[in-house]
């Protein structure tokens, strides 16, 4: 089938005059050049987008490194036996100003709790996690955070358990 089509095109090409053949050849060269340029431009756009993502990730890393000294200075304290884990989590979320981002808590495993946050300020989440681990003597057993629609915000779930 493809040979028949190629033969038809060859016959049409041979039936053209010299000037028309030259136009077809130059048109083919122009089409190949345009196709190559569009591929290069697409590749360039992809590289630029990757560079922007890397720049954003570097900025996030710089921010995390800038708040790390503050987070390391927080003193650990034991969990009080008369407080429930939900109360500890709620108090910490309130203290860090994350109450508006809290979408719910649910029990997880033996004595654990899963906290769901939406559009929470990333720095506040990090500070809260460090405090919860040090002051409330809880450990993070699962963590899923994704970038939210707004810059510097995250959405996800955090599972905590007693140490």
N, C-alpha and C. Protein backbone atom coordinates (compact mmCIF):
# COMPACT_ATOMS: atom_id res chain seq x y z
N UNK A 1 0.82 -1.19 0.00
CA UNK A 1 0.00 0.00 0.00
C UNK A 1 0.86 1.26 0.00
N UNK A 2 1.87 1.29 0.90
CA UNK A 2 2.70 2.49 0.97
C UNK A 2 3.56 2.65 -0.29
N UNK A 3 3.92 1.51 -0.93
CA UNK A 3 4.69 1.61 -2.19
C UNK A 3 3.83 2.21 -3.29
N UNK A 4 2.56 1.87 -3.28
CA UNK A 4 1.66 2.40 -4.30
C UNK A 4 1.51 3.92 -4.12
N UNK A 5 1.40 4.32 -2.88
CA UNK A 5 1.27 5.76 -2.59
C UNK A 5 2.56 6.47 -2.98
N UNK A 6 3.70 5.89 -2.64
CA UNK A 6 4.98 6.50 -3.00
C UNK A 6 5.13 6.59 -4.51
N UNK A 7 4.68 5.56 -5.22
CA UNK A 7 4.77 5.57 -6.68
C UNK A 7 3.89 6.67 -7.25
N UNK A 8 2.69 6.86 -6.70
CA UNK A 8 1.79 7.92 -7.18
C UNK A 8 2.43 9.29 -6.98
N UNK A 9 3.00 9.52 -5.79
CA UNK A 9 3.64 10.81 -5.52
C UNK A 9 4.84 11.04 -6.44
N UNK A 10 5.58 9.96 -6.68
CA UNK A 10 6.74 10.07 -7.57
C UNK A 10 6.29 10.42 -8.99
N UNK A 11 5.24 9.82 -9.43
CA UNK A 11 4.73 10.12 -10.77
C UNK A 11 4.24 11.56 -10.86
N UNK A 12 3.55 12.02 -9.82
CA UNK A 12 3.07 13.40 -9.80
C UNK A 12 4.26 14.36 -9.82
N UNK A 13 5.28 14.03 -9.03
CA UNK A 13 6.47 14.88 -8.96
C UNK A 13 7.16 14.93 -10.33
N UNK A 14 7.29 13.79 -11.01
CA UNK A 14 7.95 13.74 -12.31
C UNK A 14 7.14 14.48 -13.37
N UNK A 15 5.84 14.55 -13.17
CA UNK A 15 5.00 15.23 -14.17
C UNK A 15 5.07 16.75 -14.04
N UNK A 16 5.65 17.24 -12.96
CA UNK A 16 5.78 18.69 -12.75
C UNK A 16 6.89 19.25 -13.62
N UNK A 17 6.78 20.51 -13.90
CA UNK A 17 7.84 21.19 -14.63
C UNK A 17 9.02 21.44 -13.70
N UNK A 18 10.17 21.83 -14.27
CA UNK A 18 11.40 22.05 -13.48
C UNK A 18 11.18 23.12 -12.41
N UNK A 19 10.52 24.18 -12.78
CA UNK A 19 10.29 25.27 -11.81
C UNK A 19 9.40 24.80 -10.66
N UNK A 20 8.37 24.02 -10.96
CA UNK A 20 7.47 23.52 -9.93
C UNK A 20 8.19 22.53 -9.01
N UNK A 21 9.08 21.70 -9.60
CA UNK A 21 9.85 20.76 -8.78
C UNK A 21 10.75 21.51 -7.80
N UNK A 22 11.36 22.58 -8.27
CA UNK A 22 12.23 23.39 -7.41
C UNK A 22 11.42 23.96 -6.24
N UNK A 23 10.21 24.44 -6.51
CA UNK A 23 9.34 24.99 -5.45
C UNK A 23 9.00 23.89 -4.44
N UNK A 24 8.69 22.68 -4.93
CA UNK A 24 8.36 21.57 -4.04
C UNK A 24 9.57 21.21 -3.18
N UNK A 25 10.78 21.16 -3.78
CA UNK A 25 11.99 20.84 -3.01
C UNK A 25 12.23 21.88 -1.93
N UNK A 26 12.18 23.17 -2.30
CA UNK A 26 12.42 24.23 -1.31
C UNK A 26 11.32 24.25 -0.25
N UNK A 27 10.11 23.93 -0.66
CA UNK A 27 9.02 23.84 0.33
C UNK A 27 9.27 22.71 1.32
N UNK A 28 9.77 21.58 0.84
CA UNK A 28 10.10 20.46 1.72
C UNK A 28 11.21 20.83 2.69
N UNK A 29 12.24 21.51 2.17
CA UNK A 29 13.34 21.95 3.04
C UNK A 29 12.80 22.92 4.09
N UNK A 30 11.96 23.86 3.67
CA UNK A 30 11.39 24.84 4.61
C UNK A 30 10.55 24.13 5.67
N UNK A 31 9.78 23.14 5.27
CA UNK A 31 8.95 22.40 6.23
C UNK A 31 9.81 21.68 7.25
N UNK A 32 10.91 21.07 6.79
CA UNK A 32 11.81 20.37 7.72
C UNK A 32 12.47 21.36 8.68
N UNK A 33 12.89 22.52 8.16
CA UNK A 33 13.50 23.54 9.02
C UNK A 33 12.50 24.03 10.06
N UNK A 34 11.27 24.30 9.63
CA UNK A 34 10.25 24.76 10.58
C UNK A 34 9.93 23.71 11.63
N UNK A 35 9.86 22.45 11.23
CA UNK A 35 9.63 21.37 12.18
C UNK A 35 10.78 21.29 13.19
N UNK A 36 12.01 21.40 12.71
CA UNK A 36 13.18 21.38 13.61
C UNK A 36 13.15 22.55 14.59
N UNK A 37 12.81 23.74 14.08
CA UNK A 37 12.75 24.92 14.96
C UNK A 37 11.67 24.75 16.02
N UNK A 38 10.52 24.20 15.63
CA UNK A 38 9.46 24.02 16.63
C UNK A 38 9.87 23.01 17.69
N UNK A 39 10.62 21.99 17.31
CA UNK A 39 11.10 21.02 18.29
C UNK A 39 12.10 21.67 19.24
N UNK A 40 12.99 22.48 18.70
CA UNK A 40 13.98 23.17 19.54
C UNK A 40 13.27 24.12 20.51
N UNK A 41 12.28 24.86 20.02
CA UNK A 41 11.55 25.79 20.90
C UNK A 41 10.78 25.03 21.99
N UNK A 42 10.18 23.89 21.65
CA UNK A 42 9.49 23.10 22.66
C UNK A 42 10.46 22.62 23.72
N UNK A 43 11.62 22.16 23.29
CA UNK A 43 12.64 21.71 24.23
C UNK A 43 13.10 22.87 25.12
N UNK A 44 13.27 24.03 24.51
CA UNK A 44 13.70 25.20 25.27
C UNK A 44 12.66 25.59 26.33
N UNK A 45 11.37 25.50 25.97
CA UNK A 45 10.31 25.80 26.94
C UNK A 45 10.34 24.82 28.10
N UNK A 46 10.56 23.54 27.80
CA UNK A 46 10.61 22.52 28.85
C UNK A 46 11.81 22.76 29.78
N UNK A 47 12.94 23.13 29.22
CA UNK A 47 14.12 23.42 30.03
C UNK A 47 13.86 24.63 30.91
N UNK A 48 13.23 25.65 30.37
CA UNK A 48 12.93 26.86 31.15
C UNK A 48 11.98 26.52 32.31
N UNK A 49 10.97 25.71 32.05
CA UNK A 49 10.04 25.31 33.12
C UNK A 49 10.78 24.53 34.20
N UNK A 50 11.69 23.65 33.80
CA UNK A 50 12.47 22.88 34.78
C UNK A 50 13.35 23.81 35.60
N UNK A 51 13.95 24.81 34.95
CA UNK A 51 14.78 25.77 35.69
C UNK A 51 13.96 26.55 36.71
N UNK A 52 12.74 26.92 36.35
CA UNK A 52 11.86 27.62 37.30
C UNK A 52 11.52 26.73 38.49
N UNK A 53 11.25 25.43 38.23
CA UNK A 53 10.96 24.51 39.33
C UNK A 53 12.16 24.37 40.26
N UNK A 54 13.35 24.28 39.68
CA UNK A 54 14.57 24.15 40.50
C UNK A 54 14.77 25.41 41.33
N UNK A 55 14.55 26.57 40.74
CA UNK A 55 14.69 27.84 41.47
C UNK A 55 13.70 27.88 42.64
N UNK A 56 12.47 27.44 42.40
CA UNK A 56 11.46 27.41 43.45
C UNK A 56 11.87 26.46 44.57
N UNK A 57 12.36 25.30 44.21
CA UNK A 57 12.80 24.32 45.22
C UNK A 57 13.98 24.85 46.02
N UNK A 58 14.88 25.56 45.37
CA UNK A 58 16.02 26.15 46.09
C UNK A 58 15.55 27.20 47.08
N UNK A 59 14.55 28.00 46.68
CA UNK A 59 14.00 29.00 47.59
C UNK A 59 13.33 28.33 48.79
N UNK A 60 12.61 27.24 48.54
CA UNK A 60 11.99 26.50 49.63
C UNK A 60 13.04 25.95 50.58
N UNK A 61 14.12 25.40 50.03
CA UNK A 61 15.20 24.86 50.85
C UNK A 61 15.86 25.95 51.68
N UNK A 62 16.08 27.11 51.07
CA UNK A 62 16.69 28.22 51.81
C UNK A 62 15.80 28.65 52.97
N UNK A 63 14.48 28.67 52.75
CA UNK A 63 13.57 29.05 53.82
C UNK A 63 13.61 28.03 54.96
N UNK A 64 13.57 26.76 54.60
CA UNK A 64 13.61 25.71 55.62
C UNK A 64 14.92 25.79 56.41
N UNK A 65 16.03 26.03 55.72
CA UNK A 65 17.30 26.14 56.42
C UNK A 65 17.35 27.38 57.31
N UNK A 66 16.62 28.44 56.92
CA UNK A 66 16.62 29.65 57.74
C UNK A 66 15.83 29.48 59.04
N UNK A 67 14.79 28.63 59.05
CA UNK A 67 14.01 28.44 60.26
C UNK A 67 14.50 27.26 61.10
N UNK A 68 15.40 26.48 60.58
CA UNK A 68 15.91 25.32 61.32
C UNK A 68 16.54 25.69 62.66
N UNK A 69 17.38 26.73 62.76
CA UNK A 69 17.95 27.06 64.07
C UNK A 69 16.87 27.36 65.13
N UNK A 70 15.83 28.06 64.73
CA UNK A 70 14.73 28.34 65.66
C UNK A 70 14.04 27.05 66.09
N UNK A 71 13.85 26.15 65.14
CA UNK A 71 13.18 24.90 65.45
C UNK A 71 14.01 24.01 66.35
N UNK A 72 15.30 24.04 66.20
CA UNK A 72 16.18 23.20 67.02
C UNK A 72 16.26 23.67 68.47
N UNK A 73 15.94 24.94 68.72
CA UNK A 73 16.03 25.47 70.08
C UNK A 73 14.80 25.14 70.93
N UNK A 74 13.77 24.60 70.34
CA UNK A 74 12.56 24.28 71.10
C UNK A 74 12.84 23.11 72.05
N UNK A 75 12.50 23.27 73.31
CA UNK A 75 12.80 22.20 74.29
C UNK A 75 11.79 21.07 74.21
N UNK A 76 12.24 19.84 74.44
CA UNK A 76 11.30 18.71 74.48
C UNK A 76 10.60 18.66 75.84
N UNK A 77 9.40 18.17 75.86
CA UNK A 77 8.69 17.96 77.12
C UNK A 77 7.85 16.70 76.99
N UNK A 78 7.65 15.97 78.07
CA UNK A 78 6.89 14.71 78.00
C UNK A 78 5.40 14.97 77.81
N UNK A 79 4.72 13.97 77.25
CA UNK A 79 3.27 14.04 77.09
C UNK A 79 2.63 13.84 78.45
N UNK A 80 1.70 14.68 78.77
CA UNK A 80 0.96 14.57 80.02
C UNK A 80 -0.04 13.42 79.90
N UNK A 81 -0.13 12.59 80.91
CA UNK A 81 -0.98 11.41 80.88
C UNK A 81 -2.46 11.77 80.86
N UNK A 82 -2.82 12.96 81.35
CA UNK A 82 -4.23 13.31 81.42
C UNK A 82 -4.75 14.03 80.18
N UNK A 83 -3.94 14.16 79.14
CA UNK A 83 -4.37 14.83 77.92
C UNK A 83 -4.50 13.82 76.79
N UNK A 84 -5.54 13.96 75.99
CA UNK A 84 -5.68 13.08 74.83
C UNK A 84 -4.80 13.61 73.70
N UNK A 85 -4.48 12.73 72.78
CA UNK A 85 -3.64 13.13 71.67
C UNK A 85 -4.34 14.17 70.80
N UNK A 86 -5.65 14.05 70.65
CA UNK A 86 -6.41 15.02 69.86
C UNK A 86 -6.31 16.40 70.50
N UNK A 87 -6.38 16.45 71.84
CA UNK A 87 -6.26 17.74 72.54
C UNK A 87 -4.87 18.33 72.34
N UNK A 88 -3.85 17.49 72.39
CA UNK A 88 -2.48 17.97 72.16
C UNK A 88 -2.33 18.54 70.76
N UNK A 89 -2.86 17.81 69.80
CA UNK A 89 -2.78 18.25 68.40
C UNK A 89 -3.55 19.55 68.23
N UNK A 90 -4.75 19.62 68.77
CA UNK A 90 -5.57 20.82 68.64
C UNK A 90 -4.89 22.03 69.27
N UNK A 91 -4.31 21.85 70.46
CA UNK A 91 -3.63 22.96 71.12
C UNK A 91 -2.45 23.46 70.28
N UNK A 92 -1.68 22.54 69.73
CA UNK A 92 -0.54 22.93 68.91
C UNK A 92 -0.94 23.62 67.63
N UNK A 93 -2.02 23.14 67.02
CA UNK A 93 -2.51 23.75 65.78
C UNK A 93 -3.00 25.16 66.06
N UNK A 94 -3.71 25.34 67.17
CA UNK A 94 -4.18 26.67 67.55
C UNK A 94 -3.00 27.61 67.80
N UNK A 95 -1.98 27.11 68.50
CA UNK A 95 -0.82 27.94 68.85
C UNK A 95 -0.06 28.40 67.62
N UNK A 96 -0.02 27.60 66.58
CA UNK A 96 0.71 27.97 65.36
C UNK A 96 -0.16 28.70 64.35
N UNK A 97 -1.41 28.93 64.67
CA UNK A 97 -2.30 29.66 63.76
C UNK A 97 -2.74 28.82 62.56
N UNK A 98 -2.82 27.52 62.75
CA UNK A 98 -3.21 26.62 61.66
C UNK A 98 -4.67 26.17 61.74
N UNK A 99 -5.44 26.74 62.65
CA UNK A 99 -6.81 26.30 62.86
C UNK A 99 -7.65 26.42 61.59
N UNK A 100 -7.45 27.47 60.82
CA UNK A 100 -8.23 27.67 59.59
C UNK A 100 -7.88 26.62 58.54
N UNK A 101 -6.68 26.06 58.61
CA UNK A 101 -6.25 25.07 57.62
C UNK A 101 -6.64 23.65 58.02
N UNK A 102 -7.06 23.44 59.26
CA UNK A 102 -7.40 22.10 59.75
C UNK A 102 -8.70 21.64 59.10
N UNK A 103 -8.66 20.50 58.44
CA UNK A 103 -9.83 19.92 57.79
C UNK A 103 -10.36 18.70 58.52
N UNK A 104 -9.67 18.29 59.58
CA UNK A 104 -10.18 17.18 60.37
C UNK A 104 -9.08 16.34 60.96
N UNK A 105 -9.46 15.58 61.97
CA UNK A 105 -8.56 14.61 62.59
C UNK A 105 -9.31 13.30 62.70
N UNK A 106 -8.58 12.20 62.63
CA UNK A 106 -9.21 10.89 62.77
C UNK A 106 -8.24 9.94 63.43
N UNK A 107 -8.75 8.97 64.18
CA UNK A 107 -7.88 7.99 64.84
C UNK A 107 -7.10 7.20 63.78
N UNK A 108 -5.90 6.82 64.17
CA UNK A 108 -5.06 6.05 63.26
C UNK A 108 -4.28 5.01 64.05
N UNK A 109 -4.60 3.76 63.85
CA UNK A 109 -3.87 2.69 64.53
C UNK A 109 -4.08 2.74 66.04
N UNK A 110 -3.14 2.18 66.77
CA UNK A 110 -3.22 2.10 68.22
C UNK A 110 -2.74 3.41 68.83
N UNK A 111 -3.67 4.26 69.22
CA UNK A 111 -3.32 5.50 69.90
C UNK A 111 -2.79 6.59 68.99
N UNK A 112 -2.91 6.45 67.70
CA UNK A 112 -2.42 7.46 66.76
C UNK A 112 -3.54 8.37 66.29
N UNK A 113 -3.17 9.42 65.62
CA UNK A 113 -4.14 10.35 65.08
C UNK A 113 -3.61 10.88 63.74
N UNK A 114 -4.51 11.02 62.76
CA UNK A 114 -4.15 11.59 61.46
C UNK A 114 -4.79 12.96 61.36
N UNK A 115 -3.98 13.95 61.01
CA UNK A 115 -4.41 15.34 60.89
C UNK A 115 -4.43 15.70 59.41
N UNK A 116 -5.53 16.28 58.95
CA UNK A 116 -5.66 16.70 57.56
C UNK A 116 -5.63 18.23 57.50
N UNK A 117 -4.70 18.76 56.72
CA UNK A 117 -4.55 20.21 56.57
C UNK A 117 -4.76 20.59 55.11
N UNK A 118 -5.31 21.79 54.90
CA UNK A 118 -5.51 22.28 53.54
C UNK A 118 -5.08 23.75 53.49
N UNK A 119 -4.20 24.07 52.55
CA UNK A 119 -3.68 25.43 52.35
C UNK A 119 -3.11 26.00 53.64
N UNK A 120 -2.24 25.23 54.27
CA UNK A 120 -1.60 25.66 55.52
C UNK A 120 -0.25 26.29 55.20
N UNK A 121 0.14 27.29 55.96
CA UNK A 121 1.44 27.95 55.77
C UNK A 121 2.54 26.95 56.11
N UNK A 122 3.44 26.73 55.15
CA UNK A 122 4.46 25.68 55.27
C UNK A 122 5.35 25.87 56.50
N UNK A 123 5.77 27.07 56.78
CA UNK A 123 6.63 27.33 57.93
C UNK A 123 5.93 27.01 59.24
N UNK A 124 4.66 27.34 59.33
CA UNK A 124 3.89 27.05 60.55
C UNK A 124 3.73 25.55 60.73
N UNK A 125 3.54 24.82 59.64
CA UNK A 125 3.42 23.36 59.73
C UNK A 125 4.74 22.77 60.23
N UNK A 126 5.86 23.25 59.70
CA UNK A 126 7.16 22.75 60.15
C UNK A 126 7.39 23.04 61.63
N UNK A 127 7.08 24.27 62.06
CA UNK A 127 7.25 24.62 63.47
C UNK A 127 6.37 23.75 64.36
N UNK A 128 5.12 23.55 63.93
CA UNK A 128 4.20 22.73 64.70
C UNK A 128 4.70 21.29 64.81
N UNK A 129 5.21 20.74 63.70
CA UNK A 129 5.71 19.37 63.72
C UNK A 129 6.89 19.21 64.68
N UNK A 130 7.78 20.17 64.68
CA UNK A 130 8.93 20.10 65.59
C UNK A 130 8.45 20.20 67.04
N UNK A 131 7.53 21.11 67.32
CA UNK A 131 7.02 21.26 68.69
C UNK A 131 6.29 20.00 69.15
N UNK A 132 5.48 19.44 68.28
CA UNK A 132 4.73 18.24 68.63
C UNK A 132 5.68 17.09 68.96
N UNK A 133 6.76 17.00 68.23
CA UNK A 133 7.72 15.93 68.48
C UNK A 133 8.53 16.17 69.75
N UNK A 134 8.89 17.41 69.99
CA UNK A 134 9.74 17.70 71.14
C UNK A 134 8.95 17.95 72.41
N UNK A 135 7.95 18.81 72.34
CA UNK A 135 7.22 19.18 73.55
C UNK A 135 6.18 18.15 73.94
N UNK A 136 5.53 17.54 72.99
CA UNK A 136 4.45 16.60 73.29
C UNK A 136 4.93 15.15 73.21
N UNK A 137 6.17 14.94 72.85
CA UNK A 137 6.78 13.62 72.79
C UNK A 137 6.02 12.67 71.86
N UNK A 138 5.55 13.21 70.74
CA UNK A 138 4.89 12.41 69.72
C UNK A 138 5.85 12.22 68.55
N UNK A 139 5.59 11.22 67.72
CA UNK A 139 6.43 11.02 66.54
C UNK A 139 5.55 11.01 65.30
N UNK A 140 6.12 11.46 64.21
CA UNK A 140 5.42 11.46 62.93
C UNK A 140 5.65 10.08 62.31
N UNK A 141 4.56 9.37 62.05
CA UNK A 141 4.68 8.04 61.45
C UNK A 141 4.38 8.05 59.96
N UNK A 142 3.66 9.06 59.50
CA UNK A 142 3.38 9.21 58.06
C UNK A 142 3.17 10.69 57.77
N UNK A 143 3.67 11.11 56.62
CA UNK A 143 3.58 12.52 56.26
C UNK A 143 3.41 12.61 54.76
N UNK A 144 2.34 13.29 54.33
CA UNK A 144 2.10 13.54 52.92
C UNK A 144 1.74 15.01 52.78
N UNK A 145 2.64 15.78 52.19
CA UNK A 145 2.37 17.20 51.97
C UNK A 145 2.58 17.51 50.49
N UNK A 146 1.65 18.24 49.93
CA UNK A 146 1.74 18.68 48.55
C UNK A 146 1.65 20.19 48.51
N UNK A 147 2.22 20.77 47.48
CA UNK A 147 2.18 22.21 47.30
C UNK A 147 0.72 22.63 47.07
N UNK A 148 0.29 23.65 47.78
CA UNK A 148 -1.07 24.16 47.61
C UNK A 148 -1.08 25.18 46.48
N UNK A 149 -2.26 25.71 46.18
CA UNK A 149 -2.40 26.67 45.08
C UNK A 149 -1.61 27.95 45.33
N UNK A 150 -1.56 28.39 46.58
CA UNK A 150 -0.84 29.62 46.91
C UNK A 150 0.61 29.31 47.28
N UNK A 151 1.49 30.24 46.97
CA UNK A 151 2.91 30.06 47.27
C UNK A 151 3.13 29.99 48.78
N UNK A 152 3.99 29.07 49.21
CA UNK A 152 4.32 28.94 50.63
C UNK A 152 3.30 28.17 51.43
N UNK A 153 2.34 27.56 50.76
CA UNK A 153 1.31 26.81 51.47
C UNK A 153 1.34 25.35 51.03
N UNK A 154 0.90 24.47 51.94
CA UNK A 154 0.87 23.04 51.68
C UNK A 154 -0.49 22.46 52.06
N UNK A 155 -0.79 21.32 51.46
CA UNK A 155 -2.01 20.57 51.74
C UNK A 155 -1.58 19.12 51.93
N UNK A 156 -2.16 18.46 52.92
CA UNK A 156 -1.80 17.06 53.10
C UNK A 156 -2.28 16.50 54.41
N UNK A 157 -1.70 15.34 54.76
CA UNK A 157 -2.07 14.67 56.00
C UNK A 157 -0.82 14.25 56.76
N UNK A 158 -0.94 14.26 58.09
CA UNK A 158 0.16 13.92 58.98
C UNK A 158 -0.38 12.93 60.01
N UNK A 159 0.29 11.80 60.14
CA UNK A 159 -0.11 10.81 61.14
C UNK A 159 0.90 10.84 62.28
N UNK A 160 0.38 10.99 63.51
CA UNK A 160 1.20 11.09 64.71
C UNK A 160 0.89 9.92 65.64
N UNK A 161 1.88 9.51 66.39
CA UNK A 161 1.69 8.44 67.39
C UNK A 161 2.57 8.76 68.60
N UNK A 162 2.22 8.20 69.75
CA UNK A 162 3.02 8.39 70.95
C UNK A 162 4.33 7.64 70.79
N UNK A 163 5.39 8.20 71.39
CA UNK A 163 6.70 7.53 71.32
C UNK A 163 6.77 6.39 72.28
